C-alpha atoms as a PDB file:
ATOM      1  CA  UNK A   1       0.000   0.000   0.000  1.00  0.00           C
ATOM      2  CA  UNK A   2       1.251   3.480  -0.856  1.00  0.00           C
ATOM      3  CA  UNK A   3       0.422   6.266   1.572  1.00  0.00           C
ATOM      4  CA  UNK A   4      -0.251   9.774   0.307  1.00  0.00           C
ATOM      5  CA  UNK A   5       2.011  12.315   1.980  1.00  0.00           C
ATOM      6  CA  UNK A   6       1.109  15.988   2.376  1.00  0.00           C
ATOM      7  CA  UNK A   7       2.269  18.030  -0.635  1.00  0.00           C
ATOM      8  CA  UNK A   8       5.461  20.050  -0.273  1.00  0.00           C
ATOM      9  CA  UNK A   9       6.533  23.277  -1.924  1.00  0.00           C
ATOM     10  CA  UNK A  10       9.762  23.067  -3.976  1.00  0.00           C
ATOM     11  CA  UNK A  11      11.341  25.614  -1.586  1.00  0.00           C
ATOM     12  CA  UNK A  12      10.508  23.622   1.569  1.00  0.00           C
ATOM     13  CA  UNK A  13      12.808  21.329   3.502  1.00  0.00           C
ATOM     14  CA  UNK A  14      10.688  18.685   5.241  1.00  0.00           C
ATOM     15  CA  UNK A  15      11.083  15.511   7.260  1.00  0.00           C
ATOM     16  CA  UNK A  16       9.070  12.467   6.236  1.00  0.00           C
ATOM     17  CA  UNK A  17       8.468   9.636   8.688  1.00  0.00           C
ATOM     18  CA  UNK A  18       8.045   5.921   8.025  1.00  0.00           C
ATOM     19  CA  UNK A  19       6.415   4.465  11.139  1.00  0.00           C
ATOM     20  CA  UNK A  20       7.086   0.786  11.783  1.00  0.00           C
ATOM     21  CA  UNK A  21       6.433   0.910  15.541  1.00  0.00           C
ATOM     22  CA  UNK A  22       3.218  -1.148  15.489  1.00  0.00           C
ATOM     23  CA  UNK A  23       4.938  -3.973  13.587  1.00  0.00           C
ATOM     24  CA  UNK A  24       8.017  -4.414  15.771  1.00  0.00           C
ATOM     25  CA  UNK A  25       8.064  -7.379  18.128  1.00  0.00           C
ATOM     26  CA  UNK A  26       9.360  -6.964  21.683  1.00  0.00           C
ATOM     27  CA  UNK A  27      13.114  -6.369  21.522  1.00  0.00           C
ATOM     28  CA  UNK A  28      13.147  -6.017  17.737  1.00  0.00           C
ATOM     29  CA  UNK A  29      14.958  -2.948  16.374  1.00  0.00           C
ATOM     30  CA  UNK A  30      15.521  -1.262  13.036  1.00  0.00           C
ATOM     31  CA  UNK A  31      19.065  -1.724  11.770  1.00  0.00           C
ATOM     32  CA  UNK A  32      20.378   0.505   8.955  1.00  0.00           C
ATOM     33  CA  UNK A  33      17.415   1.664   6.820  1.00  0.00           C
ATOM     34  CA  UNK A  34      17.705   2.849   3.231  1.00  0.00           C
ATOM     35  CA  UNK A  35      15.506   5.423   1.552  1.00  0.00           C
ATOM     36  CA  UNK A  36      15.055   5.992  -2.157  1.00  0.00           C
ATOM     37  CA  UNK A  37      13.005   8.479  -4.157  1.00  0.00           C
ATOM     38  CA  UNK A  38      11.841   8.233  -7.773  1.00  0.00           C
ATOM     39  CA  UNK A  39       9.296  10.062  -9.883  1.00  0.00           C
ATOM     40  CA  UNK A  40       5.924   8.770 -11.027  1.00  0.00           C
ATOM     41  CA  UNK A  41       6.127   8.097 -13.909  1.00  0.00           C
ATOM     42  CA  UNK A  42       9.796   7.242 -13.538  1.00  0.00           C
ATOM     43  CA  UNK A  43      12.262   9.506 -15.315  1.00  0.00           C
ATOM     44  CA  UNK A  44      10.387  12.821 -14.981  1.00  0.00           C
ATOM     45  CA  UNK A  45      13.136  14.060 -12.627  1.00  0.00           C
ATOM     46  CA  UNK A  46      16.443  12.300 -13.339  1.00  0.00           C
ATOM     47  CA  UNK A  47      17.911  13.896 -10.199  1.00  0.00           C
ATOM     48  CA  UNK A  48      15.164  12.811  -7.797  1.00  0.00           C
ATOM     49  CA  UNK A  49      17.694  11.188  -5.435  1.00  0.00           C
ATOM     50  CA  UNK A  50      19.172  14.662  -4.833  1.00  0.00           C
ATOM     51  CA  UNK A  51      16.063  15.457  -2.754  1.00  0.00           C
ATOM     52  CA  UNK A  52      17.354  13.159   0.023  1.00  0.00           C
ATOM     53  CA  UNK A  53      19.313  15.115   2.638  1.00  0.00           C
ATOM     54  CA  UNK A  54      21.814  13.048   4.604  1.00  0.00           C
ATOM     55  CA  UNK A  55      21.093   9.590   5.927  1.00  0.00           C
ATOM     56  CA  UNK A  56      17.891   8.292   7.498  1.00  0.00           C
ATOM     57  CA  UNK A  57      17.582   8.620  11.268  1.00  0.00           C
ATOM     58  CA  UNK A  58      16.052   5.847  13.382  1.00  0.00           C
ATOM     59  CA  UNK A  59      14.005   7.041  16.362  1.00  0.00           C
ATOM     60  CA  UNK A  60      12.458   4.076  18.153  1.00  0.00           C
ATOM     61  CA  UNK A  61      10.251   2.343  15.595  1.00  0.00           C
ATOM     62  CA  UNK A  62      10.328   5.225  13.116  1.00  0.00           C
ATOM     63  CA  UNK A  63      12.656   6.182  10.270  1.00  0.00           C
ATOM     64  CA  UNK A  64      12.991   9.914   9.574  1.00  0.00           C
ATOM     65  CA  UNK A  65      14.358  11.372   6.338  1.00  0.00           C
ATOM     66  CA  UNK A  66      14.811  15.023   5.386  1.00  0.00           C
ATOM     67  CA  UNK A  67      13.853  16.047   1.826  1.00  0.00           C
ATOM     68  CA  UNK A  68      14.418  19.228  -0.173  1.00  0.00           C
ATOM     69  CA  UNK A  69      13.660  20.582  -3.628  1.00  0.00           C
ATOM     70  CA  UNK A  70      11.801  18.694  -6.303  1.00  0.00           C
ATOM     71  CA  UNK A  71      10.189  19.779  -9.555  1.00  0.00           C
ATOM     72  CA  UNK A  72       6.922  21.695  -9.300  1.00  0.00           C
ATOM     73  CA  UNK A  73       3.966  19.560 -10.427  1.00  0.00           C
ATOM     74  CA  UNK A  74       5.857  16.271 -10.064  1.00  0.00           C
ATOM     75  CA  UNK A  75       4.793  13.292  -7.968  1.00  0.00           C
ATOM     76  CA  UNK A  76       7.548  11.322  -6.255  1.00  0.00           C
ATOM     77  CA  UNK A  77       7.539   7.864  -4.708  1.00  0.00           C
ATOM     78  CA  UNK A  78       9.485   7.763  -1.429  1.00  0.00           C
ATOM     79  CA  UNK A  79      10.463   4.231  -0.358  1.00  0.00           C
ATOM     80  CA  UNK A  80      11.896   3.217   3.015  1.00  0.00           C
ATOM     81  CA  UNK A  81      13.376  -0.264   3.480  1.00  0.00           C
ATOM     82  CA  UNK A  82      13.932  -1.168   7.134  1.00  0.00           C
ATOM     83  CA  UNK A  83      15.930  -4.316   7.932  1.00  0.00           C
ATOM     84  CA  UNK A  84      15.190  -5.509  11.466  1.00  0.00           C
ATOM     85  CA  UNK A  85      17.419  -7.117  14.088  1.00  0.00           C
ATOM     86  CA  UNK A  86      15.384 -10.329  13.699  1.00  0.00           C
ATOM     87  CA  UNK A  87      16.216 -10.601   9.996  1.00  0.00           C
ATOM     88  CA  UNK A  88      12.780  -9.437   8.836  1.00  0.00           C
ATOM     89  CA  UNK A  89      12.589  -6.560   6.338  1.00  0.00           C
ATOM     90  CA  UNK A  90       9.740  -4.032   6.328  1.00  0.00           C
ATOM     91  CA  UNK A  91       8.947  -1.545   3.545  1.00  0.00           C
ATOM     92  CA  UNK A  92       6.913   1.678   3.492  1.00  0.00           C
ATOM     93  CA  UNK A  93       6.095   3.753   0.409  1.00  0.00           C
ATOM     94  CA  UNK A  94       4.628   7.220   0.186  1.00  0.00           C
ATOM     95  CA  UNK A  95       3.464   9.333  -2.732  1.00  0.00           C
ATOM     96  CA  UNK A  96       4.653  12.960  -2.468  1.00  0.00           C
ATOM     97  CA  UNK A  97       3.432  15.781  -4.721  1.00  0.00           C
ATOM     98  CA  UNK A  98       5.754  18.764  -5.092  1.00  0.00           C
ATOM     99  CA  UNK A  99       3.623  21.827  -5.785  1.00  0.00           C
ATOM    100  CA  UNK A 100       4.081  25.572  -5.443  1.00  0.00           C
ATOM    101  CA  UNK A 101       0.311  26.109  -5.250  1.00  0.00           C
END
């Protein structure tokens, strides 16, 4: 399932959150998550990965990622892959519209 994130202005710097807290078993933790960003349809912004600022931050059962920029009128797909200490892997996807309106 793909969640719809609140639109962002191209000038904004925002933090998006992938919340895995309800799916973690007792003692289970998120290891080193990876985040990717692409456009829908793919290829509209060949530099979409440049929107990612730094590395993802794990706070409890959540993964936080800062984003900047983007092309006005473009929809992006933000994907977070979270490997867990148990060996399980969880994935969250969110659709993000960049709009100056």
